[in-house]
C-alpha atoms as a PDB file:
ATOM      1  CA  MET A   1       0.017  -0.024  -0.018  1.00  0.00           C
ATOM      2  CA  PRO A   2       1.529   3.390  -0.988  1.00  0.00           C
ATOM      3  CA  ILE A   3       2.411   5.830   1.678  1.00  0.00           C
ATOM      4  CA  PRO A   4       0.711   9.280   1.159  1.00  0.00           C
ATOM      5  CA  ASP A   5       3.179  12.084   0.572  1.00  0.00           C
ATOM      6  CA  PRO A   6       2.592  14.686   3.302  1.00  0.00           C
ATOM      7  CA  THR A   7       4.118  17.472   1.067  1.00  0.00           C
ATOM      8  CA  ALA A   8       1.706  16.718  -1.913  1.00  0.00           C
ATOM      9  CA  GLU A   9      -0.512  19.596  -2.944  1.00  0.00           C
ATOM     10  CA  PRO A  10      -4.349  19.125  -2.351  1.00  0.00           C
ATOM     11  CA  ARG A  11      -6.177  18.166  -5.530  1.00  0.00           C
ATOM     12  CA  VAL A  12      -7.944  20.826  -7.479  1.00  0.00           C
ATOM     13  CA  LEU A  13     -11.786  20.611  -8.023  1.00  0.00           C
ATOM     14  CA  ALA A  14     -13.747  22.623 -10.435  1.00  0.00           C
ATOM     15  CA  GLY A  15     -16.667  24.503  -8.896  1.00  0.00           C
ATOM     16  CA  ALA A  16     -19.654  26.701 -10.021  1.00  0.00           C
ATOM     17  CA  VAL A  17     -20.355  29.627  -7.785  1.00  0.00           C
ATOM     18  CA  SER A  18     -23.778  31.301  -7.222  1.00  0.00           C
ATOM     19  CA  PRO A  19     -23.968  35.033  -7.987  1.00  0.00           C
ATOM     20  CA  LEU A  20     -25.391  35.355  -4.373  1.00  0.00           C
ATOM     21  CA  THR A  21     -21.974  34.488  -2.951  1.00  0.00           C
ATOM     22  CA  ALA A  22     -19.603  35.261  -5.857  1.00  0.00           C
ATOM     23  CA  ASP A  23     -18.234  38.270  -4.056  1.00  0.00           C
ATOM     24  CA  LEU A  24     -17.165  36.185  -1.130  1.00  0.00           C
ATOM     25  CA  VAL A  25     -15.335  33.646  -3.304  1.00  0.00           C
ATOM     26  CA  HIS A  26     -13.724  36.128  -5.571  1.00  0.00           C
ATOM     27  CA  GLY A  27     -12.811  38.623  -2.860  1.00  0.00           C
ATOM     28  CA  PRO A  28      -9.479  38.868  -1.122  1.00  0.00           C
ATOM     29  CA  PRO A  29      -8.298  35.718   0.797  1.00  0.00           C
ATOM     30  CA  ARG A  30      -9.591  35.617   4.399  1.00  0.00           C
ATOM     31  CA  ARG A  31     -10.430  33.223   7.049  1.00  0.00           C
ATOM     32  CA  ALA A  32     -13.730  31.348   7.018  1.00  0.00           C
ATOM     33  CA  GLU A  33     -15.097  29.501   9.994  1.00  0.00           C
ATOM     34  CA  VAL A  34     -16.520  25.903   9.482  1.00  0.00           C
ATOM     35  CA  LEU A  35     -20.168  25.824  10.733  1.00  0.00           C
ATOM     36  CA  ALA A  36     -20.834  22.185   9.834  1.00  0.00           C
ATOM     37  CA  ALA A  37     -19.344  19.478   7.632  1.00  0.00           C
ATOM     38  CA  GLY A  38     -20.785  16.223   6.448  1.00  0.00           C
ATOM     39  CA  ARG A  39     -21.335  13.746   3.650  1.00  0.00           C
ATOM     40  CA  VAL A  40     -22.429  16.316   1.073  1.00  0.00           C
ATOM     41  CA  GLY A  41     -20.159  19.276   1.808  1.00  0.00           C
ATOM     42  CA  VAL A  42     -19.352  21.951   4.251  1.00  0.00           C
ATOM     43  CA  TYR A  43     -20.845  25.244   5.415  1.00  0.00           C
ATOM     44  CA  LEU A  44     -18.579  28.226   5.919  1.00  0.00           C
ATOM     45  CA  ARG A  45     -19.117  31.529   7.576  1.00  0.00           C
ATOM     46  CA  LEU A  46     -17.212  34.692   6.540  1.00  0.00           C
ATOM     47  CA  ASP A  47     -18.104  38.315   6.561  1.00  0.00           C
ATOM     48  CA  GLY A  48     -21.138  37.425   8.616  1.00  0.00           C
ATOM     49  CA  ARG A  49     -22.566  35.298   5.731  1.00  0.00           C
ATOM     50  CA  VAL A  50     -22.840  31.627   5.037  1.00  0.00           C
ATOM     51  CA  LEU A  51     -21.126  29.933   2.045  1.00  0.00           C
ATOM     52  CA  PRO A  52     -22.143  26.375   1.384  1.00  0.00           C
ATOM     53  CA  VAL A  53     -19.536  24.278  -0.578  1.00  0.00           C
ATOM     54  CA  LEU A  54     -21.502  21.327  -1.713  1.00  0.00           C
ATOM     55  CA  GLY A  55     -20.817  18.149  -3.684  1.00  0.00           C
ATOM     56  CA  PRO A  56     -22.981  16.546  -6.439  1.00  0.00           C
ATOM     57  CA  ASP A  57     -25.259  14.712  -3.977  1.00  0.00           C
ATOM     58  CA  ALA A  58     -26.302  17.887  -2.109  1.00  0.00           C
ATOM     59  CA  VAL A  59     -29.488  19.839  -2.618  1.00  0.00           C
ATOM     60  CA  ALA A  60     -28.811  22.895  -4.839  1.00  0.00           C
ATOM     61  CA  LEU A  61     -28.923  25.575  -2.237  1.00  0.00           C
ATOM     62  CA  PRO A  62     -29.246  29.050  -3.909  1.00  0.00           C
ATOM     63  CA  SER A  63     -26.013  30.410  -2.346  1.00  0.00           C
ATOM     64  CA  ALA A  64     -23.778  27.307  -2.876  1.00  0.00           C
ATOM     65  CA  LEU A  65     -20.449  26.863  -4.473  1.00  0.00           C
ATOM     66  CA  ARG A  66     -21.221  23.592  -6.196  1.00  0.00           C
ATOM     67  CA  VAL A  67     -18.642  20.931  -7.057  1.00  0.00           C
ATOM     68  CA  THR A  68     -19.195  18.147  -9.492  1.00  0.00           C
ATOM     69  CA  GLU A  69     -17.045  15.620  -7.643  1.00  0.00           C
ATOM     70  CA  PRO A  70     -17.478  14.198  -4.074  1.00  0.00           C
ATOM     71  CA  LEU A  71     -15.890  16.428  -1.411  1.00  0.00           C
ATOM     72  CA  ASP A  72     -13.687  14.940   1.326  1.00  0.00           C
ATOM     73  CA  VAL A  73     -14.244  17.146   4.398  1.00  0.00           C
ATOM     74  CA  ALA A  74     -13.667  14.368   7.014  1.00  0.00           C
ATOM     75  CA  ALA A  75     -10.867  16.373   8.461  1.00  0.00           C
ATOM     76  CA  LEU A  76     -13.057  19.343   9.240  1.00  0.00           C
ATOM     77  CA  ALA A  77     -15.008  20.114  12.364  1.00  0.00           C
ATOM     78  CA  PRO A  78     -17.099  23.137  13.506  1.00  0.00           C
ATOM     79  CA  GLY A  79     -14.871  25.953  14.533  1.00  0.00           C
ATOM     80  CA  ASP A  80     -12.023  25.007  12.128  1.00  0.00           C
ATOM     81  CA  ALA A  81     -10.814  27.638   9.852  1.00  0.00           C
ATOM     82  CA  VAL A  82     -10.214  27.477   6.020  1.00  0.00           C
ATOM     83  CA  VAL A  83      -9.178  30.150   3.474  1.00  0.00           C
ATOM     84  CA  VAL A  84     -11.665  31.572   1.016  1.00  0.00           C
ATOM     85  CA  GLY A  85     -10.732  34.148  -1.748  1.00  0.00           C
ATOM     86  CA  GLU A  86      -9.299  34.801  -5.160  1.00  0.00           C
ATOM     87  CA  GLY A  87     -11.786  32.421  -6.635  1.00  0.00           C
ATOM     88  CA  ARG A  88     -10.745  29.512  -4.405  1.00  0.00           C
ATOM     89  CA  VAL A  89     -11.936  27.765  -1.218  1.00  0.00           C
ATOM     90  CA  ARG A  90      -8.823  25.960   0.260  1.00  0.00           C
ATOM     91  CA  LEU A  91      -9.934  22.891   2.127  1.00  0.00           C
ATOM     92  CA  PRO A  92      -7.541  20.367   3.694  1.00  0.00           C
ATOM     93  CA  ALA A  93      -8.075  17.572   1.155  1.00  0.00           C
ATOM     94  CA  ALA A  94      -8.788  19.799  -1.955  1.00  0.00           C
ATOM     95  CA  THR A  95      -8.886  23.268  -3.316  1.00  0.00           C
ATOM     96  CA  VAL A  96     -12.181  24.210  -4.981  1.00  0.00           C
ATOM     97  CA  VAL A  97     -11.785  26.712  -7.883  1.00  0.00           C
ATOM     98  CA  ALA A  98     -14.757  28.572  -8.947  1.00  0.00           C
ATOM     99  CA  ARG A  99     -14.427  28.273 -12.747  1.00  0.00           C
ATOM    100  CA  ARG A 100     -17.946  29.304 -13.631  1.00  0.00           C
ATOM    101  CA  THR A 101     -21.188  30.736 -12.361  1.00  0.00           C
ATOM    102  CA  TRP A 102     -24.490  28.922 -12.004  1.00  0.00           C
ATOM    103  CA  ARG A 103     -28.004  30.521 -11.762  1.00  0.00           C
ATOM    104  CA  PRO A 104     -29.939  29.735  -8.692  1.00  0.00           C
ATOM    105  CA  ALA A 105     -33.736  29.353  -8.742  1.00  0.00           C
ATOM    106  CA  ARG A 106     -35.937  32.216  -7.664  1.00  0.00           C
ATOM    107  CA  VAL A 107     -39.759  32.381  -7.159  1.00  0.00           C
ATOM    108  CA  PRO A 108     -41.182  34.999  -9.568  1.00  0.00           C
ATOM    109  CA  THR A 109     -43.796  37.510  -8.269  1.00  0.00           C
ATOM    110  CA  GLY A 110     -47.184  36.412  -9.529  1.00  0.00           C
ATOM    111  CA  HIS A 111     -50.751  36.057  -8.326  1.00  0.00           C
ATOM    112  CA  LEU A 112     -52.699  33.376  -6.429  1.00  0.00           C
ATOM    113  CA  GLY A 113     -55.016  31.157  -8.640  1.00  0.00           C
ATOM    114  CA  LEU A 114     -58.366  29.878  -7.567  1.00  0.00           C
ATOM    115  CA  ASP A 115     -57.901  26.511  -6.030  1.00  0.00           C
ATOM    116  CA  ASP A 116     -60.808  24.063  -6.381  1.00  0.00           C
ATOM    117  CA  GLY A 117     -59.585  22.298  -3.253  1.00  0.00           C
ATOM    118  CA  ARG A 118     -57.269  19.749  -4.800  1.00  0.00           C
ATOM    119  CA  VAL A 119     -54.090  21.620  -4.052  1.00  0.00           C
ATOM    120  CA  ALA A 120     -55.008  22.224  -0.503  1.00  0.00           C
ATOM    121  CA  ALA A 121     -55.911  18.518  -0.159  1.00  0.00           C
ATOM    122  CA  LEU A 122     -52.660  17.405  -1.576  1.00  0.00           C
ATOM    123  CA  LEU A 123     -50.687  19.667   0.811  1.00  0.00           C
ATOM    124  CA  ALA A 124     -52.746  18.576   3.805  1.00  0.00           C
ATOM    125  CA  ALA A 125     -52.174  14.846   3.003  1.00  0.00           C
ATOM    126  CA  ALA A 126     -48.451  15.484   2.783  1.00  0.00           C
ATOM    127  CA  THR A 127     -48.254  17.237   6.149  1.00  0.00           C
ATOM    128  CA  VAL A 128     -50.695  15.098   8.172  1.00  0.00           C
ATOM    129  CA  GLU A 129     -47.910  14.195  10.602  1.00  0.00           C
ATOM    130  CA  ALA A 130     -46.669  17.817  11.111  1.00  0.00           C
ATOM    131  CA  PRO A 131     -46.828  18.912  14.729  1.00  0.00           C
ATOM    132  CA  GLY A 132     -49.916  21.051  15.639  1.00  0.00           C
ATOM    133  CA  TRP A 133     -47.765  23.895  16.939  1.00  0.00           C
ATOM    134  CA  LEU A 134     -46.072  24.287  13.531  1.00  0.00           C
ATOM    135  CA  VAL A 135     -49.319  24.539  11.611  1.00  0.00           C
ATOM    136  CA  ALA A 136     -50.914  26.824  14.104  1.00  0.00           C
ATOM    137  CA  GLY A 137     -47.803  29.029  14.489  1.00  0.00           C
ATOM    138  CA  THR A 138     -47.382  29.541  10.781  1.00  0.00           C
ATOM    139  CA  ALA A 139     -51.086  30.225  10.324  1.00  0.00           C
ATOM    140  CA  GLY A 140     -50.688  32.984  13.112  1.00  0.00           C
ATOM    141  CA  ALA A 141     -47.598  34.478  11.658  1.00  0.00           C
ATOM    142  CA  VAL A 142     -49.255  34.794   8.164  1.00  0.00           C
ATOM    143  CA  SER A 143     -52.570  36.044   9.343  1.00  0.00           C
ATOM    144  CA  ASP A 144     -51.444  38.510  12.053  1.00  0.00           C
ATOM    145  CA  ALA A 145     -50.855  42.131  10.919  1.00  0.00           C
ATOM    146  CA  GLU A 146     -48.186  42.215  13.668  1.00  0.00           C
ATOM    147  CA  PRO A 147     -46.520  38.829  13.392  1.00  0.00           C
ATOM    148  CA  GLU A 148     -43.559  39.336  15.741  1.00  0.00           C
ATOM    149  CA  VAL A 149     -44.989  37.233  18.557  1.00  0.00           C
ATOM    150  CA  ALA A 150     -45.847  34.227  16.261  1.00  0.00           C
ATOM    151  CA  VAL A 151     -42.484  34.526  14.488  1.00  0.00           C
ATOM    152  CA  ARG A 152     -40.677  34.620  17.807  1.00  0.00           C
ATOM    153  CA  ALA A 153     -42.238  31.329  18.722  1.00  0.00           C
ATOM    154  CA  LEU A 154     -41.219  29.663  15.398  1.00  0.00           C
ATOM    155  CA  VAL A 155     -37.708  30.786  14.520  1.00  0.00           C
ATOM    156  CA  GLY A 156     -35.179  28.371  15.827  1.00  0.00           C
ATOM    157  CA  ARG A 157     -37.747  25.911  17.149  1.00  0.00           C
ATOM    158  CA  GLY A 158     -37.013  22.343  16.332  1.00  0.00           C
ATOM    159  CA  PRO A 159     -33.657  20.274  15.847  1.00  0.00           C
ATOM    160  CA  GLY A 160     -31.049  20.353  13.235  1.00  0.00           C
ATOM    161  CA  LEU A 161     -29.376  22.882  10.955  1.00  0.00           C
ATOM    162  CA  THR A 162     -32.756  24.160   9.698  1.00  0.00           C
ATOM    163  CA  PRO A 163     -35.280  23.851  12.592  1.00  0.00           C
ATOM    164  CA  SER A 164     -38.858  23.150  11.689  1.00  0.00           C
ATOM    165  CA  GLY A 165     -40.149  26.599  12.533  1.00  0.00           C
ATOM    166  CA  ASP A 166     -37.700  28.089  10.109  1.00  0.00           C
ATOM    167  CA  ASP A 167     -38.593  25.701   7.218  1.00  0.00           C
ATOM    168  CA  ALA A 168     -42.296  26.493   7.673  1.00  0.00           C
ATOM    169  CA  LEU A 169     -41.618  30.236   7.615  1.00  0.00           C
ATOM    170  CA  ALA A 170     -39.427  29.882   4.578  1.00  0.00           C
ATOM    171  CA  GLY A 171     -42.413  28.285   2.856  1.00  0.00           C
ATOM    172  CA  ALA A 172     -44.738  31.014   3.921  1.00  0.00           C
ATOM    173  CA  LEU A 173     -42.355  33.726   2.618  1.00  0.00           C
ATOM    174  CA  LEU A 174     -41.942  31.971  -0.727  1.00  0.00           C
ATOM    175  CA  LEU A 175     -45.678  31.499  -1.250  1.00  0.00           C
ATOM    176  CA  HIS A 176     -46.444  35.096  -0.405  1.00  0.00           C
ATOM    177  CA  ARG A 177     -44.044  36.157  -3.170  1.00  0.00           C
ATOM    178  CA  ALA A 178     -45.459  33.707  -5.709  1.00  0.00           C
ATOM    179  CA  ALA A 179     -49.013  34.777  -4.851  1.00  0.00           C
ATOM    180  CA  GLY A 180     -48.159  38.456  -5.237  1.00  0.00           C
ATOM    181  CA  VAL A 181     -49.083  39.222  -1.630  1.00  0.00           C
ATOM    182  CA  PRO A 182     -46.970  41.780   0.262  1.00  0.00           C
ATOM    183  CA  SER A 183     -45.227  40.221   3.149  1.00  0.00           C
ATOM    184  CA  ASP A 184     -43.114  43.090   4.419  1.00  0.00           C
ATOM    185  CA  ALA A 185     -44.242  42.702   8.018  1.00  0.00           C
ATOM    186  CA  LEU A 186     -43.599  38.991   8.016  1.00  0.00           C
ATOM    187  CA  ALA A 187     -40.227  39.279   6.378  1.00  0.00           C
ATOM    188  CA  ALA A 188     -39.173  42.058   8.781  1.00  0.00           C
ATOM    189  CA  ALA A 189     -40.246  39.987  11.778  1.00  0.00           C
ATOM    190  CA  VAL A 190     -38.259  36.951  10.452  1.00  0.00           C
ATOM    191  CA  ARG A 191     -35.159  39.106   9.695  1.00  0.00           C
ATOM    192  CA  GLY A 192     -35.458  40.484  13.239  1.00  0.00           C
ATOM    193  CA  ARG A 193     -35.029  36.991  14.699  1.00  0.00           C
ATOM    194  CA  LEU A 194     -32.260  35.539  12.613  1.00  0.00           C
ATOM    195  CA  THR A 195     -29.854  35.474  15.454  1.00  0.00           C
ATOM    196  CA  ALA A 196     -32.176  33.076  17.302  1.00  0.00           C
ATOM    197  CA  THR A 197     -31.468  30.199  14.865  1.00  0.00           C
ATOM    198  CA  THR A 198     -28.491  28.509  13.230  1.00  0.00           C
ATOM    199  CA  ALA A 199     -26.368  30.468  10.825  1.00  0.00           C
ATOM    200  CA  VAL A 200     -27.121  28.116   8.034  1.00  0.00           C
ATOM    201  CA  SER A 201     -30.944  28.359   8.597  1.00  0.00           C
ATOM    202  CA  ALA A 202     -30.740  32.171   8.932  1.00  0.00           C
ATOM    203  CA  ALA A 203     -29.088  32.340   5.539  1.00  0.00           C
ATOM    204  CA  LEU A 204     -31.830  30.236   4.002  1.00  0.00           C
ATOM    205  CA  LEU A 205     -34.564  32.339   5.537  1.00  0.00           C
ATOM    206  CA  GLU A 206     -32.802  35.507   4.299  1.00  0.00           C
ATOM    207  CA  GLY A 207     -32.786  33.943   0.911  1.00  0.00           C
ATOM    208  CA  ALA A 208     -36.464  32.848   1.176  1.00  0.00           C
ATOM    209  CA  ALA A 209     -37.536  36.444   1.968  1.00  0.00           C
ATOM    210  CA  ASP A 210     -36.092  37.461  -1.409  1.00  0.00           C
ATOM    211  CA  GLY A 211     -37.578  34.441  -3.252  1.00  0.00           C
ATOM    212  CA  TRP A 212     -34.432  32.239  -3.455  1.00  0.00           C
ATOM    213  CA  ALA A 213     -34.779  28.532  -2.918  1.00  0.00           C
ATOM    214  CA  THR A 214     -33.818  25.196  -4.401  1.00  0.00           C
ATOM    215  CA  PRO A 215     -35.172  24.423  -7.954  1.00  0.00           C
ATOM    216  CA  ASP A 216     -37.604  21.742  -6.552  1.00  0.00           C
ATOM    217  CA  VAL A 217     -39.018  24.117  -3.970  1.00  0.00           C
ATOM    218  CA  VAL A 218     -39.446  26.923  -6.467  1.00  0.00           C
ATOM    219  CA  ALA A 219     -41.254  24.618  -8.927  1.00  0.00           C
ATOM    220  CA  LEU A 220     -43.547  23.387  -6.032  1.00  0.00           C
ATOM    221  CA  VAL A 221     -44.277  26.903  -4.775  1.00  0.00           C
ATOM    222  CA  CYS A 222     -45.183  28.133  -8.316  1.00  0.00           C
ATOM    223  CA  ALA A 223     -47.508  25.171  -8.775  1.00  0.00           C
ATOM    224  CA  VAL A 224     -49.281  25.882  -5.508  1.00  0.00           C
ATOM    225  CA  ALA A 225     -49.697  29.597  -6.337  1.00  0.00           C
ATOM    226  CA  ARG A 226     -51.124  28.657  -9.870  1.00  0.00           C
ATOM    227  CA  ALA A 227     -53.462  26.144  -8.244  1.00  0.00           C
ATOM    228  CA  ASP A 228     -51.910  23.556 -10.489  1.00  0.00           C
ATOM    229  CA  ALA A 229     -52.783  20.246  -8.859  1.00  0.00           C
ATOM    230  CA  ALA A 230     -50.810  18.220 -11.499  1.00  0.00           C
ATOM    231  CA  GLY A 231     -47.741  20.337 -10.949  1.00  0.00           C
ATOM    232  CA  VAL A 232     -48.038  19.976  -7.206  1.00  0.00           C
ATOM    233  CA  THR A 233     -48.273  16.148  -7.676  1.00  0.00           C
ATOM    234  CA  THR A 234     -45.180  16.200  -9.787  1.00  0.00           C
ATOM    235  CA  HIS A 235     -42.976  18.279  -7.544  1.00  0.00           C
ATOM    236  CA  LEU A 236     -44.182  17.469  -4.059  1.00  0.00           C
ATOM    237  CA  PRO A 237     -42.164  14.155  -3.680  1.00  0.00           C
ATOM    238  CA  ALA A 238     -38.851  15.763  -4.306  1.00  0.00           C
ATOM    239  CA  VAL A 239     -39.484  18.382  -1.718  1.00  0.00           C
ATOM    240  CA  LEU A 240     -40.753  15.969   0.832  1.00  0.00           C
ATOM    241  CA  ALA A 241     -37.520  13.975   0.372  1.00  0.00           C
ATOM    242  CA  VAL A 242     -35.324  16.899   1.586  1.00  0.00           C
ATOM    243  CA  GLY A 243     -33.767  16.306   4.949  1.00  0.00           C
ATOM    244  CA  HIS A 244     -35.394  14.332   7.809  1.00  0.00           C
ATOM    245  CA  THR A 245     -38.400  16.715   8.099  1.00  0.00           C
ATOM    246  CA  SER A 246     -37.156  19.847   6.400  1.00  0.00           C
ATOM    247  CA  GLY A 247     -39.252  19.189   3.240  1.00  0.00           C
ATOM    248  CA  ARG A 248     -42.333  18.261   5.189  1.00  0.00           C
ATOM    249  CA  ASP A 249     -41.995  21.309   7.334  1.00  0.00           C
ATOM    250  CA  LEU A 250     -41.620  23.633   4.440  1.00  0.00           C
ATOM    251  CA  VAL A 251     -44.724  22.077   2.810  1.00  0.00           C
ATOM    252  CA  THR A 252     -46.437  22.604   6.194  1.00  0.00           C
ATOM    253  CA  GLY A 253     -45.674  26.265   5.744  1.00  0.00           C
ATOM    254  CA  LEU A 254     -47.084  26.238   2.287  1.00  0.00           C
ATOM    255  CA  ALA A 255     -50.330  24.507   3.447  1.00  0.00           C
ATOM    256  CA  ALA A 256     -50.845  26.772   6.426  1.00  0.00           C
ATOM    257  CA  THR A 257     -50.271  29.905   4.275  1.00  0.00           C
ATOM    258  CA  LEU A 258     -52.555  28.765   1.512  1.00  0.00           C
ATOM    259  CA  ALA A 259     -55.312  28.194   4.092  1.00  0.00           C
ATOM    260  CA  VAL A 260     -55.023  31.872   5.154  1.00  0.00           C
ATOM    261  CA  LEU A 261     -54.581  33.521   1.712  1.00  0.00           C
ATOM    262  CA  ALA A 262     -57.821  34.266  -0.142  1.00  0.00           C
ATOM    263  CA  PRO A 263     -58.202  33.616  -3.946  1.00  0.00           C
ATOM    264  CA  THR A 264     -58.006  37.315  -4.473  1.00  0.00           C
ATOM    265  CA  GLY A 265     -54.527  37.351  -3.255  1.00  0.00           C
ATOM    266  CA  ARG A 266     -55.399  39.300  -0.093  1.00  0.00           C
ATOM    267  CA  ILE A 267     -54.960  38.125   3.534  1.00  0.00           C
ATOM    268  CA  ALA A 268     -58.269  36.588   4.758  1.00  0.00           C
ATOM    269  CA  ALA A 269     -59.851  38.461   7.529  1.00  0.00           C
END
């Protein structure tokens, strides 16, 4: 068995950077803190923002630096430091070079279609096991003209990198945008609580407030807003497969929001 050369240079992997984080990757070299590392990649924090560096098996997060080959991040642990800048992310086992840019998915601003009940039924069936506090809390956050109290009870609630309350709120924010319903108060309340959750989840919530999400989520949200039952049936399984409960929780946010929004696109009284 050959003995590894300790002086060998790390291998170079080609990556595609999101325009949402290209300024971080192409900026001057600086220290980035490891937030989490796992099978699909690593999450880094620098300049107060989160940069996911993700391999081919990862969900296409809108702010990610995507790599076409598997990433070896076994040597990294939360709190470790790596160097990011000049178009590169220098990891212990590899250097990722941003050779191109990819375009993340974004929910367009539209209007809410008239649902004949089929879309609502599909969402309800998919989220039947969601906890009651999540459904009621999201409905309260969406329907209340002053949603701060409801949002405070949701942000950061639940386990994992993206707690359940955050995922549901992301769904609510995205559907508001797709439905063409202003959500300034909800978005402001969420942004005011970002320090109460994980840095990774805070970054995803910030993106959702501006309409950014994974392609599967964007497709599902648009189908819900159009009252397109066939489209919901097509895209729902891929979203539900995300994470342990993340996909279900986001769909719970869609279901609770749809139940509050009227067909006219205005908040129900």
